[in-house]
């Protein structure tokens, strides 16, 4: 009888250890999935910001020097700030107050 009780308590301890390890592994996997989702969202934002900056730069570069190129980009997610200095254009793309992408030193085609 003592032997059966000893085996059942060992089985119970083994089961508890197995469940604990499973719970730890599940928590690690869940954390990795949450982190991967955040990285995917950031990557998507960066890709969209790069496309937007590229579009603005190409429009500005193709316009004749001295012309006022009113670059208008409509986006609910991003805001664009451009600064022209010494024939070079700097483009900043923001999501809220966070700078997502900066394109510096775009020059005109001559």
C-alpha atoms as a PDB file:
ATOM      1  CA  UNK A   1       0.000   0.000   0.000  1.00  0.00           C
ATOM      2  CA  UNK A   2       2.838   2.343   0.868  1.00  0.00           C
ATOM      3  CA  UNK A   3       4.466   1.608  -2.474  1.00  0.00           C
ATOM      4  CA  UNK A   4       1.293   2.546  -4.409  1.00  0.00           C
ATOM      5  CA  UNK A   5       0.933   5.757  -2.417  1.00  0.00           C
ATOM      6  CA  UNK A   6       4.585   6.609  -3.060  1.00  0.00           C
ATOM      7  CA  UNK A   7       4.145   6.034  -6.822  1.00  0.00           C
ATOM      8  CA  UNK A   8       1.023   8.171  -6.985  1.00  0.00           C
ATOM      9  CA  UNK A   9       2.737  11.052  -5.161  1.00  0.00           C
ATOM     10  CA  UNK A  10       5.721  10.804  -7.541  1.00  0.00           C
ATOM     11  CA  UNK A  11       3.330  10.846 -10.493  1.00  0.00           C
ATOM     12  CA  UNK A  12       1.593  13.902  -9.044  1.00  0.00           C
ATOM     13  CA  UNK A  13       4.920  15.736  -8.576  1.00  0.00           C
ATOM     14  CA  UNK A  14       5.954  14.838 -12.130  1.00  0.00           C
ATOM     15  CA  UNK A  15       2.607  16.073 -13.455  1.00  0.00           C
ATOM     16  CA  UNK A  16       2.921  19.371 -11.573  1.00  0.00           C
ATOM     17  CA  UNK A  17       6.455  19.902 -12.903  1.00  0.00           C
ATOM     18  CA  UNK A  18       5.302  19.126 -16.456  1.00  0.00           C
ATOM     19  CA  UNK A  19       2.377  21.548 -16.196  1.00  0.00           C
ATOM     20  CA  UNK A  20       4.664  24.248 -14.802  1.00  0.00           C
ATOM     21  CA  UNK A  21       7.108  23.817 -17.687  1.00  0.00           C
ATOM     22  CA  UNK A  22       4.225  23.897 -20.164  1.00  0.00           C
ATOM     23  CA  UNK A  23       2.887  27.116 -18.617  1.00  0.00           C
ATOM     24  CA  UNK A  24       6.335  28.745 -18.790  1.00  0.00           C
ATOM     25  CA  UNK A  25       6.772  27.734 -22.443  1.00  0.00           C
ATOM     26  CA  UNK A  26       3.279  29.001 -23.291  1.00  0.00           C
ATOM     27  CA  UNK A  27       4.017  32.355 -21.619  1.00  0.00           C
ATOM     28  CA  UNK A  28       7.280  32.720 -23.559  1.00  0.00           C
ATOM     29  CA  UNK A  29       5.521  31.891 -26.846  1.00  0.00           C
ATOM     30  CA  UNK A  30       2.745  34.400 -26.131  1.00  0.00           C
ATOM     31  CA  UNK A  31       5.317  37.119 -25.375  1.00  0.00           C
ATOM     32  CA  UNK A  32       7.155  36.345 -28.612  1.00  0.00           C
ATOM     33  CA  UNK A  33       3.921  36.601 -30.612  1.00  0.00           C
ATOM     34  CA  UNK A  34       3.081  39.976 -29.069  1.00  0.00           C
ATOM     35  CA  UNK A  35       6.599  41.237 -29.812  1.00  0.00           C
ATOM     36  CA  UNK A  36       6.419  39.963 -33.407  1.00  0.00           C
ATOM     37  CA  UNK A  37       3.104  41.751 -33.934  1.00  0.00           C
ATOM     38  CA  UNK A  38       4.617  45.017 -32.733  1.00  0.00           C
ATOM     39  CA  UNK A  39       7.611  44.585 -35.034  1.00  0.00           C
ATOM     40  CA  UNK A  40       5.283  43.898 -37.957  1.00  0.00           C
ATOM     41  CA  UNK A  41       3.300  47.066 -37.233  1.00  0.00           C
ATOM     42  CA  UNK A  42       6.506  49.134 -37.046  1.00  0.00           C
ATOM     43  CA  UNK A  43       7.760  47.614 -40.290  1.00  0.00           C
ATOM     44  CA  UNK A  44       4.502  48.434 -42.065  1.00  0.00           C
ATOM     45  CA  UNK A  45       4.639  52.021 -40.802  1.00  0.00           C
ATOM     46  CA  UNK A  46       8.235  52.421 -41.936  1.00  0.00           C
ATOM     47  CA  UNK A  47       7.485  51.017 -45.391  1.00  0.00           C
ATOM     48  CA  UNK A  48       4.549  53.402 -45.863  1.00  0.00           C
ATOM     49  CA  UNK A  49       6.646  56.347 -44.653  1.00  0.00           C
ATOM     50  CA  UNK A  50       9.466  55.491 -47.071  1.00  0.00           C
ATOM     51  CA  UNK A  51       7.030  55.300 -49.995  1.00  0.00           C
ATOM     52  CA  UNK A  52       5.525  58.639 -48.996  1.00  0.00           C
ATOM     53  CA  UNK A  53       8.931  60.345 -48.706  1.00  0.00           C
ATOM     54  CA  UNK A  54      10.022  58.859 -52.025  1.00  0.00           C
ATOM     55  CA  UNK A  55       6.896  60.179 -53.734  1.00  0.00           C
ATOM     56  CA  UNK A  56       7.460  63.664 -52.313  1.00  0.00           C
ATOM     57  CA  UNK A  57      11.143  63.619 -53.307  1.00  0.00           C
ATOM     58  CA  UNK A  58      10.399  62.527 -56.869  1.00  0.00           C
ATOM     59  CA  UNK A  59       7.747  65.220 -57.297  1.00  0.00           C
ATOM     60  CA  UNK A  60      10.107  67.885 -55.962  1.00  0.00           C
ATOM     61  CA  UNK A  61      13.099  66.692 -58.029  1.00  0.00           C
ATOM     62  CA  UNK A  62      11.155  66.675 -61.290  1.00  0.00           C
ATOM     63  CA  UNK A  63       9.891  70.251 -60.880  1.00  0.00           C
ATOM     64  CA  UNK A  64      11.917  73.101 -62.384  1.00  0.00           C
ATOM     65  CA  UNK A  65      14.218  74.964 -60.004  1.00  0.00           C
ATOM     66  CA  UNK A  66      12.615  77.989 -58.416  1.00  0.00           C
ATOM     67  CA  UNK A  67       9.083  76.708 -58.869  1.00  0.00           C
ATOM     68  CA  UNK A  68       6.895  76.341 -55.841  1.00  0.00           C
ATOM     69  CA  UNK A  69       6.031  72.686 -55.676  1.00  0.00           C
ATOM     70  CA  UNK A  70       3.102  72.273 -53.368  1.00  0.00           C
ATOM     71  CA  UNK A  71       3.592  68.698 -52.317  1.00  0.00           C
ATOM     72  CA  UNK A  72       0.380  67.487 -50.804  1.00  0.00           C
ATOM     73  CA  UNK A  73       0.228  64.097 -49.223  1.00  0.00           C
ATOM     74  CA  UNK A  74      -2.949  62.999 -47.566  1.00  0.00           C
ATOM     75  CA  UNK A  75      -2.643  60.516 -44.764  1.00  0.00           C
ATOM     76  CA  UNK A  76      -4.607  60.036 -41.587  1.00  0.00           C
ATOM     77  CA  UNK A  77      -1.705  58.218 -39.978  1.00  0.00           C
ATOM     78  CA  UNK A  78       1.265  60.407 -40.929  1.00  0.00           C
ATOM     79  CA  UNK A  79       2.211  64.066 -40.963  1.00  0.00           C
ATOM     80  CA  UNK A  80       4.896  65.412 -43.285  1.00  0.00           C
ATOM     81  CA  UNK A  81       7.345  68.235 -42.656  1.00  0.00           C
ATOM     82  CA  UNK A  82       9.595  69.424 -45.458  1.00  0.00           C
ATOM     83  CA  UNK A  83      12.385  71.986 -45.385  1.00  0.00           C
ATOM     84  CA  UNK A  84      14.216  73.307 -48.440  1.00  0.00           C
ATOM     85  CA  UNK A  85      17.642  74.837 -47.916  1.00  0.00           C
ATOM     86  CA  UNK A  86      20.410  75.568 -50.435  1.00  0.00           C
ATOM     87  CA  UNK A  87      18.695  73.600 -53.178  1.00  0.00           C
ATOM     88  CA  UNK A  88      18.276  70.530 -51.004  1.00  0.00           C
ATOM     89  CA  UNK A  89      15.081  69.106 -49.604  1.00  0.00           C
ATOM     90  CA  UNK A  90      14.754  67.394 -46.244  1.00  0.00           C
ATOM     91  CA  UNK A  91      11.630  65.345 -45.597  1.00  0.00           C
ATOM     92  CA  UNK A  92      10.457  64.182 -42.164  1.00  0.00           C
ATOM     93  CA  UNK A  93       7.562  61.744 -41.785  1.00  0.00           C
ATOM     94  CA  UNK A  94       5.881  61.620 -38.365  1.00  0.00           C
ATOM     95  CA  UNK A  95       3.283  59.339 -36.827  1.00  0.00           C
ATOM     96  CA  UNK A  96       1.871  61.502 -34.087  1.00  0.00           C
ATOM     97  CA  UNK A  97       4.912  63.061 -32.418  1.00  0.00           C
ATOM     98  CA  UNK A  98       7.247  60.185 -33.317  1.00  0.00           C
ATOM     99  CA  UNK A  99       9.659  60.584 -36.221  1.00  0.00           C
ATOM    100  CA  UNK A 100       9.238  57.512 -38.408  1.00  0.00           C
ATOM    101  CA  UNK A 101      11.492  58.366 -41.343  1.00  0.00           C
ATOM    102  CA  UNK A 102      13.820  61.182 -42.419  1.00  0.00           C
ATOM    103  CA  UNK A 103      15.057  61.697 -45.973  1.00  0.00           C
ATOM    104  CA  UNK A 104      17.809  64.307 -46.179  1.00  0.00           C
ATOM    105  CA  UNK A 105      19.580  66.097 -48.980  1.00  0.00           C
ATOM    106  CA  UNK A 106      17.369  65.425 -51.976  1.00  0.00           C
ATOM    107  CA  UNK A 107      18.707  67.480 -54.904  1.00  0.00           C
ATOM    108  CA  UNK A 108      16.991  68.574 -58.099  1.00  0.00           C
ATOM    109  CA  UNK A 109      17.619  67.027 -61.471  1.00  0.00           C
ATOM    110  CA  UNK A 110      19.584  69.442 -63.603  1.00  0.00           C
END
